[in-house]
Each structure stands twice: as structure tokens, then as C-alpha cells.
C-alpha atoms as a PDB file:
ATOM      1  CA  MET A   1      97.088 218.478 -24.860  1.00  0.00           C
ATOM      2  CA  ARG A   2     100.728 217.487 -24.266  1.00  0.00           C
ATOM      3  CA  ASP A   3     102.531 215.672 -27.064  1.00  0.00           C
ATOM      4  CA  HIS A   4     103.237 212.614 -24.928  1.00  0.00           C
ATOM      5  CA  ASP A   5      99.551 212.395 -23.998  1.00  0.00           C
ATOM      6  CA  LEU A   6      98.747 211.976 -27.678  1.00  0.00           C
ATOM      7  CA  VAL A   7     100.937 208.877 -27.690  1.00  0.00           C
ATOM      8  CA  ARG A   8      99.658 207.579 -24.369  1.00  0.00           C
ATOM      9  CA  HIS A   9      95.957 208.018 -25.104  1.00  0.00           C
ATOM     10  CA  HIS A  10      95.527 208.102 -28.875  1.00  0.00           C
ATOM     11  CA  THR A  11      97.894 205.456 -30.260  1.00  0.00           C
ATOM     12  CA  VAL A  12      96.135 203.190 -32.754  1.00  0.00           C
ATOM     13  CA  TYR A  13      99.113 201.065 -33.772  1.00  0.00           C
ATOM     14  CA  ALA A  14     102.375 200.194 -32.047  1.00  0.00           C
ATOM     15  CA  CYS A  15     105.109 197.756 -32.944  1.00  0.00           C
ATOM     16  CA  VAL A  16     108.724 196.818 -32.292  1.00  0.00           C
ATOM     17  CA  MET A  17     111.219 197.595 -35.045  1.00  0.00           C
ATOM     18  CA  GLY A  18     114.991 197.417 -35.437  1.00  0.00           C
ATOM     19  CA  SER A  19     117.023 194.282 -34.873  1.00  0.00           C
ATOM     20  CA  ARG A  20     114.286 192.521 -32.918  1.00  0.00           C
ATOM     21  CA  ALA A  21     111.812 192.808 -35.788  1.00  0.00           C
ATOM     22  CA  PHE A  22     114.488 191.936 -38.350  1.00  0.00           C
ATOM     23  CA  GLY A  23     115.419 188.715 -36.561  1.00  0.00           C
ATOM     24  CA  LEU A  24     118.903 190.080 -35.889  1.00  0.00           C
ATOM     25  CA  ALA A  25     118.691 190.760 -32.163  1.00  0.00           C
ATOM     26  CA  THR A  26     121.508 189.759 -29.846  1.00  0.00           C
ATOM     27  CA  ASP A  27     121.824 190.018 -26.065  1.00  0.00           C
ATOM     28  CA  GLY A  28     122.718 193.716 -26.192  1.00  0.00           C
ATOM     29  CA  SER A  29     120.077 194.819 -28.699  1.00  0.00           C
ATOM     30  CA  ASP A  30     117.786 197.738 -27.871  1.00  0.00           C
ATOM     31  CA  THR A  31     114.024 197.521 -28.214  1.00  0.00           C
ATOM     32  CA  ASP A  32     112.978 200.157 -30.746  1.00  0.00           C
ATOM     33  CA  ARG A  33     109.286 200.956 -30.565  1.00  0.00           C
ATOM     34  CA  ARG A  34     107.349 202.743 -33.296  1.00  0.00           C
ATOM     35  CA  GLY A  35     103.733 203.798 -33.391  1.00  0.00           C
ATOM     36  CA  VAL A  36     100.927 205.770 -34.988  1.00  0.00           C
ATOM     37  CA  PHE A  37      98.569 208.062 -33.087  1.00  0.00           C
ATOM     38  CA  VAL A  38      95.459 209.902 -34.210  1.00  0.00           C
ATOM     39  CA  ALA A  39      95.329 213.470 -32.985  1.00  0.00           C
ATOM     40  CA  PRO A  40      91.722 214.406 -32.112  1.00  0.00           C
ATOM     41  CA  THR A  41      90.178 216.284 -35.008  1.00  0.00           C
ATOM     42  CA  ALA A  42      89.244 219.181 -32.725  1.00  0.00           C
ATOM     43  CA  LEU A  43      92.931 219.945 -32.214  1.00  0.00           C
ATOM     44  CA  PHE A  44      93.260 220.840 -35.899  1.00  0.00           C
ATOM     45  CA  TRP A  45      90.696 223.629 -35.498  1.00  0.00           C
ATOM     46  CA  ARG A  46      93.172 225.716 -33.509  1.00  0.00           C
ATOM     47  CA  PHE A  47      96.022 227.874 -34.821  1.00  0.00           C
ATOM     48  CA  ALA A  48      98.566 225.625 -33.102  1.00  0.00           C
ATOM     49  CA  LYS A  49      98.283 222.279 -34.877  1.00  0.00           C
ATOM     50  CA  PRO A  50      99.106 218.941 -33.248  1.00  0.00           C
ATOM     51  CA  PRO A  51     102.594 217.538 -33.914  1.00  0.00           C
ATOM     52  CA  THR A  52     103.311 215.369 -36.923  1.00  0.00           C
ATOM     53  CA  HIS A  53     105.507 213.122 -34.781  1.00  0.00           C
ATOM     54  CA  VAL A  54     106.472 212.599 -31.154  1.00  0.00           C
ATOM     55  CA  ASP A  55     109.698 211.298 -29.654  1.00  0.00           C
ATOM     56  CA  GLY A  56     108.979 209.264 -26.512  1.00  0.00           C
ATOM     57  CA  PRO A  57     107.661 209.111 -23.854  1.00  0.00           C
ATOM     58  CA  ALA A  58     109.514 205.821 -23.419  1.00  0.00           C
ATOM     59  CA  PRO A  59     113.181 205.408 -24.400  1.00  0.00           C
ATOM     60  CA  GLU A  60     113.670 204.319 -28.031  1.00  0.00           C
ATOM     61  CA  GLN A  61     110.029 205.175 -28.805  1.00  0.00           C
ATOM     62  CA  PHE A  62     108.932 207.259 -31.791  1.00  0.00           C
ATOM     63  CA  SER A  63     105.427 207.853 -33.148  1.00  0.00           C
ATOM     64  CA  TRP A  64     103.839 209.579 -36.122  1.00  0.00           C
ATOM     65  CA  GLU A  65     100.446 211.231 -36.420  1.00  0.00           C
ATOM     66  CA  LEU A  66      98.304 209.180 -38.778  1.00  0.00           C
ATOM     67  CA  GLU A  67      98.249 211.685 -41.641  1.00  0.00           C
ATOM     68  CA  ARG A  68     102.019 212.146 -41.639  1.00  0.00           C
ATOM     69  CA  PHE A  69     102.521 208.394 -41.443  1.00  0.00           C
ATOM     70  CA  CYS A  70     100.259 207.837 -44.448  1.00  0.00           C
ATOM     71  CA  GLU A  71     101.971 210.595 -46.430  1.00  0.00           C
ATOM     72  CA  LEU A  72     105.378 209.002 -45.890  1.00  0.00           C
ATOM     73  CA  ALA A  73     104.070 205.521 -46.652  1.00  0.00           C
ATOM     74  CA  LEU A  74     102.551 206.731 -49.924  1.00  0.00           C
ATOM     75  CA  ARG A  75     105.998 208.068 -50.836  1.00  0.00           C
ATOM     76  CA  ALA A  76     107.387 204.558 -50.239  1.00  0.00           C
ATOM     77  CA  ASN A  77     109.561 205.626 -47.309  1.00  0.00           C
ATOM     78  CA  PRO A  78     111.459 202.434 -46.385  1.00  0.00           C
ATOM     79  CA  ASN A  79     111.306 202.920 -42.609  1.00  0.00           C
ATOM     80  CA  ILE A  80     107.573 203.604 -42.661  1.00  0.00           C
ATOM     81  CA  LEU A  81     106.709 200.688 -44.932  1.00  0.00           C
ATOM     82  CA  GLU A  82     108.735 198.309 -42.792  1.00  0.00           C
ATOM     83  CA  CYS A  83     106.964 199.620 -39.697  1.00  0.00           C
ATOM     84  CA  LEU A  84     103.646 198.524 -41.228  1.00  0.00           C
ATOM     85  CA  HIS A  85     105.036 195.029 -41.803  1.00  0.00           C
ATOM     86  CA  SER A  86     106.678 194.411 -38.431  1.00  0.00           C
ATOM     87  CA  PRO A  87     106.077 190.870 -37.149  1.00  0.00           C
ATOM     88  CA  LEU A  88     106.091 192.267 -33.586  1.00  0.00           C
ATOM     89  CA  VAL A  89     102.836 194.193 -33.203  1.00  0.00           C
ATOM     90  CA  GLU A  90     102.256 195.323 -29.618  1.00  0.00           C
ATOM     91  CA  HIS A  91      98.967 197.187 -30.079  1.00  0.00           C
ATOM     92  CA  ALA A  92      96.361 197.671 -32.784  1.00  0.00           C
ATOM     93  CA  ASP A  93      92.866 198.951 -32.090  1.00  0.00           C
ATOM     94  CA  ALA A  94      90.095 198.946 -34.720  1.00  0.00           C
ATOM     95  CA  THR A  95      91.699 201.887 -36.564  1.00  0.00           C
ATOM     96  CA  GLY A  96      95.129 200.298 -36.312  1.00  0.00           C
ATOM     97  CA  ARG A  97      93.832 197.030 -37.709  1.00  0.00           C
ATOM     98  CA  GLU A  98      92.270 198.872 -40.625  1.00  0.00           C
ATOM     99  CA  LEU A  99      95.606 200.608 -41.220  1.00  0.00           C
ATOM    100  CA  LEU A 100      97.293 197.209 -41.332  1.00  0.00           C
ATOM    101  CA  GLU A 101      94.702 196.000 -43.837  1.00  0.00           C
ATOM    102  CA  LEU A 102      95.760 198.919 -46.055  1.00  0.00           C
ATOM    103  CA  ARG A 103      99.387 197.793 -46.227  1.00  0.00           C
ATOM    104  CA  GLY A 104      99.086 196.738 -49.830  1.00  0.00           C
ATOM    105  CA  ALA A 105      97.641 200.117 -50.837  1.00  0.00           C
ATOM    106  CA  PHE A 106     100.927 201.818 -49.994  1.00  0.00           C
ATOM    107  CA  LEU A 107     103.126 199.521 -52.069  1.00  0.00           C
ATOM    108  CA  SER A 108     104.134 200.439 -55.616  1.00  0.00           C
ATOM    109  CA  ARG A 109     107.060 200.348 -58.001  1.00  0.00           C
ATOM    110  CA  GLN A 110     108.278 203.523 -56.321  1.00  0.00           C
ATOM    111  CA  VAL A 111     109.934 201.281 -53.728  1.00  0.00           C
ATOM    112  CA  HIS A 112     112.754 200.586 -56.161  1.00  0.00           C
ATOM    113  CA  GLU A 113     113.706 204.251 -56.277  1.00  0.00           C
ATOM    114  CA  THR A 114     113.200 205.011 -52.583  1.00  0.00           C
ATOM    115  CA  PHE A 115     114.913 201.919 -51.220  1.00  0.00           C
ATOM    116  CA  THR A 116     117.791 202.335 -53.673  1.00  0.00           C
ATOM    117  CA  ARG A 117     118.193 206.025 -52.865  1.00  0.00           C
ATOM    118  CA  TYR A 118     118.246 205.289 -49.143  1.00  0.00           C
ATOM    119  CA  ALA A 119     120.756 202.475 -49.677  1.00  0.00           C
ATOM    120  CA  LEU A 120     123.057 204.708 -51.719  1.00  0.00           C
ATOM    121  CA  GLY A 121     123.004 207.305 -48.943  1.00  0.00           C
ATOM    122  CA  GLN A 122     123.989 204.681 -46.398  1.00  0.00           C
ATOM    123  CA  ARG A 123     126.659 203.328 -48.746  1.00  0.00           C
ATOM    124  CA  ALA A 124     128.228 206.791 -49.022  1.00  0.00           C
ATOM    125  CA  LYS A 125     128.532 206.938 -45.223  1.00  0.00           C
ATOM    126  CA  LEU A 126     130.223 203.550 -45.145  1.00  0.00           C
ATOM    127  CA  GLU A 127     132.706 204.603 -47.802  1.00  0.00           C
ATOM    128  CA  ALA A 128     133.476 207.754 -45.796  1.00  0.00           C
ATOM    129  CA  ASP A 129     134.237 205.546 -42.794  1.00  0.00           C
ATOM    130  CA  LEU A 130     136.567 203.477 -44.955  1.00  0.00           C
ATOM    131  CA  ARG A 131     138.443 206.566 -46.097  1.00  0.00           C
ATOM    132  CA  ASN A 132     138.617 208.195 -42.685  1.00  0.00           C
ATOM    133  CA  HIS A 133     139.002 205.236 -40.346  1.00  0.00           C
ATOM    134  CA  GLY A 134     140.110 202.326 -42.505  1.00  0.00           C
ATOM    135  CA  ALA A 135     137.006 200.268 -41.791  1.00  0.00           C
ATOM    136  CA  PRO A 136     133.249 200.641 -42.049  1.00  0.00           C
ATOM    137  CA  ARG A 137     130.806 200.405 -39.157  1.00  0.00           C
ATOM    138  CA  TRP A 138     129.962 196.752 -39.573  1.00  0.00           C
ATOM    139  CA  LYS A 139     126.563 197.025 -37.911  1.00  0.00           C
ATOM    140  CA  HIS A 140     125.598 199.546 -40.596  1.00  0.00           C
ATOM    141  CA  VAL A 141     126.945 197.247 -43.308  1.00  0.00           C
ATOM    142  CA  MET A 142     124.722 194.468 -41.973  1.00  0.00           C
ATOM    143  CA  HIS A 143     121.617 196.650 -41.983  1.00  0.00           C
ATOM    144  CA  LEU A 144     122.339 197.957 -45.463  1.00  0.00           C
ATOM    145  CA  LEU A 145     122.595 194.417 -46.809  1.00  0.00           C
ATOM    146  CA  ARG A 146     119.380 193.505 -45.019  1.00  0.00           C
ATOM    147  CA  LEU A 147     117.602 196.465 -46.616  1.00  0.00           C
ATOM    148  CA  LEU A 148     118.821 195.529 -50.078  1.00  0.00           C
ATOM    149  CA  VAL A 149     117.622 191.948 -49.637  1.00  0.00           C
ATOM    150  CA  SER A 150     114.246 193.240 -48.475  1.00  0.00           C
ATOM    151  CA  ALA A 151     113.949 195.574 -51.475  1.00  0.00           C
ATOM    152  CA  ARG A 152     114.901 192.865 -53.969  1.00  0.00           C
ATOM    153  CA  ASP A 153     112.410 190.384 -52.536  1.00  0.00           C
ATOM    154  CA  LEU A 154     109.647 192.994 -52.362  1.00  0.00           C
ATOM    155  CA  LEU A 155     110.109 193.793 -56.032  1.00  0.00           C
ATOM    156  CA  ARG A 156     110.161 190.102 -56.907  1.00  0.00           C
ATOM    157  CA  THR A 157     107.115 189.024 -54.918  1.00  0.00           C
ATOM    158  CA  GLY A 158     105.093 192.172 -54.230  1.00  0.00           C
ATOM    159  CA  GLU A 159     105.279 191.392 -50.507  1.00  0.00           C
ATOM    160  CA  LEU A 160     107.462 193.120 -47.923  1.00  0.00           C
ATOM    161  CA  ARG A 161     109.178 190.750 -45.530  1.00  0.00           C
ATOM    162  CA  VAL A 162     110.962 192.276 -42.543  1.00  0.00           C
ATOM    163  CA  ASP A 163     112.452 189.221 -40.817  1.00  0.00           C
ATOM    164  CA  VAL A 164     115.700 188.058 -42.462  1.00  0.00           C
ATOM    165  CA  GLY A 165     114.934 184.385 -41.899  1.00  0.00           C
ATOM    166  CA  ASP A 166     117.797 182.069 -42.818  1.00  0.00           C
ATOM    167  CA  LEU A 167     120.131 184.993 -43.602  1.00  0.00           C
ATOM    168  CA  ARG A 168     120.488 185.718 -39.872  1.00  0.00           C
ATOM    169  CA  THR A 169     123.756 183.804 -39.422  1.00  0.00           C
ATOM    170  CA  ARG A 170     125.417 185.356 -42.460  1.00  0.00           C
ATOM    171  CA  LEU A 171     124.305 188.884 -41.598  1.00  0.00           C
ATOM    172  CA  LEU A 172     125.441 188.598 -37.983  1.00  0.00           C
ATOM    173  CA  ALA A 173     128.838 187.473 -39.263  1.00  0.00           C
ATOM    174  CA  VAL A 174     128.940 190.743 -41.220  1.00  0.00           C
ATOM    175  CA  LYS A 175     128.074 192.670 -38.057  1.00  0.00           C
ATOM    176  CA  ARG A 176     130.968 191.014 -36.212  1.00  0.00           C
ATOM    177  CA  GLY A 177     133.378 192.049 -38.975  1.00  0.00           C
ATOM    178  CA  GLU A 178     134.018 188.480 -40.043  1.00  0.00           C
ATOM    179  CA  VAL A 179     133.153 189.152 -43.693  1.00  0.00           C
ATOM    180  CA  PRO A 180     135.855 191.092 -45.590  1.00  0.00           C
ATOM    181  CA  TRP A 181     134.731 194.406 -47.016  1.00  0.00           C
ATOM    182  CA  PRO A 182     135.317 193.334 -50.666  1.00  0.00           C
ATOM    183  CA  GLU A 183     132.997 190.366 -50.119  1.00  0.00           C
ATOM    184  CA  ALA A 184     130.331 192.541 -48.491  1.00  0.00           C
ATOM    185  CA  GLU A 185     130.725 195.092 -51.274  1.00  0.00           C
ATOM    186  CA  SER A 186     130.326 192.400 -53.916  1.00  0.00           C
ATOM    187  CA  TRP A 187     127.127 191.231 -52.203  1.00  0.00           C
ATOM    188  CA  MET A 188     125.785 194.807 -52.289  1.00  0.00           C
ATOM    189  CA  HIS A 189     126.506 195.113 -56.015  1.00  0.00           C
ATOM    190  CA  ARG A 190     124.774 191.815 -56.715  1.00  0.00           C
ATOM    191  CA  LEU A 191     121.708 192.808 -54.706  1.00  0.00           C
ATOM    192  CA  HIS A 192     121.472 196.141 -56.552  1.00  0.00           C
ATOM    193  CA  GLU A 193     121.576 194.306 -59.874  1.00  0.00           C
ATOM    194  CA  GLU A 194     119.005 191.744 -58.765  1.00  0.00           C
ATOM    195  CA  ALA A 195     116.675 194.501 -57.527  1.00  0.00           C
ATOM    196  CA  ALA A 196     116.954 196.326 -60.855  1.00  0.00           C
ATOM    197  CA  ALA A 197     116.135 193.124 -62.723  1.00  0.00           C
ATOM    198  CA  ALA A 198     113.164 192.465 -60.432  1.00  0.00           C
ATOM    199  CA  ALA A 199     111.889 196.031 -60.905  1.00  0.00           C
ATOM    200  CA  ALA A 200     111.538 195.407 -64.639  1.00  0.00           C
ATOM    201  CA  ARG A 201     108.938 192.678 -64.057  1.00  0.00           C
ATOM    202  CA  THR A 202     107.618 193.390 -60.574  1.00  0.00           C
ATOM    203  CA  PRO A 203     103.973 192.583 -59.779  1.00  0.00           C
ATOM    204  CA  LEU A 204     103.709 195.869 -57.876  1.00  0.00           C
ATOM    205  CA  PRO A 205     101.460 198.587 -59.372  1.00  0.00           C
ATOM    206  CA  ALA A 206     102.972 201.736 -60.831  1.00  0.00           C
ATOM    207  CA  GLU A 207     101.427 203.945 -58.133  1.00  0.00           C
ATOM    208  CA  PRO A 208     100.066 203.417 -54.630  1.00  0.00           C
ATOM    209  CA  ASP A 209      96.296 203.494 -54.060  1.00  0.00           C
ATOM    210  CA  ARG A 210      96.196 207.069 -52.769  1.00  0.00           C
ATOM    211  CA  ALA A 211      92.398 207.362 -53.020  1.00  0.00           C
ATOM    212  CA  ARG A 212      91.841 204.329 -50.805  1.00  0.00           C
ATOM    213  CA  VAL A 213      94.240 205.665 -48.182  1.00  0.00           C
ATOM    214  CA  GLU A 214      92.695 209.125 -48.288  1.00  0.00           C
ATOM    215  CA  ASP A 215      89.193 207.684 -47.831  1.00  0.00           C
ATOM    216  CA  PHE A 216      90.449 205.896 -44.728  1.00  0.00           C
ATOM    217  CA  LEU A 217      91.990 209.088 -43.335  1.00  0.00           C
ATOM    218  CA  VAL A 218      88.805 211.104 -43.925  1.00  0.00           C
ATOM    219  CA  ARG A 219      86.700 208.471 -42.158  1.00  0.00           C
ATOM    220  CA  VAL A 220      89.039 208.497 -39.168  1.00  0.00           C
ATOM    221  CA  ARG A 221      88.932 212.304 -38.959  1.00  0.00           C
ATOM    222  CA  ARG A 222      85.126 212.349 -39.204  1.00  0.00           C
ATOM    223  CA  ALA A 223      84.761 209.713 -36.500  1.00  0.00           C
ATOM    224  CA  SER A 224      87.092 211.676 -34.240  1.00  0.00           C
ATOM    225  CA  ALA A 225      85.146 214.892 -34.823  1.00  0.00           C
ATOM    226  CA  ALA A 226      81.870 213.153 -34.061  1.00  0.00           C
ATOM    227  CA  ALA A 227      83.291 211.788 -30.817  1.00  0.00           C
ATOM    228  CA  ALA A 228      84.855 215.093 -29.744  1.00  0.00           C
ATOM    229  CA  VAL A 229      84.189 216.071 -26.133  1.00  0.00           C
ATOM    230  CA  PRO A 230      84.073 219.663 -24.870  1.00  0.00           C
ATOM    231  CA  GLU A 231      87.294 219.329 -22.885  1.00  0.00           C
ATOM    232  CA  VAL A 232      89.264 218.401 -26.001  1.00  0.00           C
ATOM    233  CA  ALA A 233      87.593 221.043 -28.166  1.00  0.00           C
ATOM    234  CA  GLU A 234      88.425 223.680 -25.576  1.00  0.00           C
ATOM    235  CA  GLY A 235      92.029 222.516 -25.356  1.00  0.00           C
ATOM    236  CA  HIS A 236      91.920 221.432 -21.686  1.00  0.00           C
END
């Protein structure tokens, strides 16, 4: 089975991410699509295993196999967690809807470390731009600030909100370069401090509910195996 056929025929969840999901889209914004597919269980019985992710087939489209997606979500990967909370869901079958119902099982206090680590990596790139070119890439500054706001609010409330809401105007001003770097930098520092304070009293559990997620994955694999047809099992 071709990789793109896995996306075309076995996608259980698909959404729009990026600026459109964040509420930061402008006229020139791309439409970034993300999804989750379930490789038929019979494909795992062969030496050549199905892919953990697939790029395409459409432009700006990227999908993960369900197991890989769950692994990354349990590690509190920021991009994966936000994918599960996109307000722009384009497709969700019965399995996809059950995955969405599991969103809370993936959340834990680990988000403070993972979101912060990701933010620090992005901050280092911005500082390199400052040294080498005299200015940061303002679009990246905007998205870093958005991520930090999201992390702080998640730690405060226990809920992950993707859309920036009433911060849209201020963040788009950052993207246009209308906010001086020292001001943007000060905002980053404040958000880091607020996230650290929120982490000390967050309602999030210490660990994600790995057992609940694993039970879901096993049920999906069993259902796929039970529904296997000879053509799939034979690799045609």
C-alpha cells in the first residue's frame, strides 16, 4: 500500500493548523493541514512496517500514524497537542472522535518543560538572526509569543486554547515589525515567569493517562485486524 493511500483511505482525524487555527491568518496565509491515519493492522505483520508519518499528498499536508501521534502527545509535544485542540476540524470518524475525547488524557505538568524547551530553541534562532542580520524574523517572534501565552494559560487552567482571541491585533503588530524587539523580549520574559508561577499550582496531573491511551490504541488495532481483508493482508 502506498504511503499516500494510507492518508487518503485511512485518515481518522484531520484538521487545519497554523495561522488559520491560531486566529492569526491574513490574506496571504497558507492552509496547513494535519491529520492522523490508522495503518491497517495487517501491514504490521510484514517485515516492512507502515510509515510513522506521511508528507502530503496535498500541499502543506502532514499526517501521523495513530501510534506515533499518541507517543508524541504523551510526551507533551507542543505541535501534537495543539493539533488535537484545533478549532478547525475537517474530518473525524468514530475513531477520530474517540481520539478527540482523549485529549485530556494526554495533558500533564510535562507541558511546562516541553513548551518551555521548544520556546527556548526558537528564542535561540531569533537571537542568531539579531546577531547576523540585525533583526529577528518577526513572524517567528509572533508565533513564539503565541506559544508562550498558550503554555501559560494551559498551566493556569488545565485547558489548551489554540485561538489567540483578543491578542490577535497585538500579535499581528509584532508580525509586521511594529513592536520594538526590547518590548517583545520583555513580553517573552514576563510570559516565562508567569508560566513558571502557574506550573507551581497547575491543576494538571503529574503524568498523562498512558494506560487509557494505550487501551484505546489496542482496541483500534484489534478492530482493524478483525476487519482485515485478504487484499490488505497480502499487500495488494
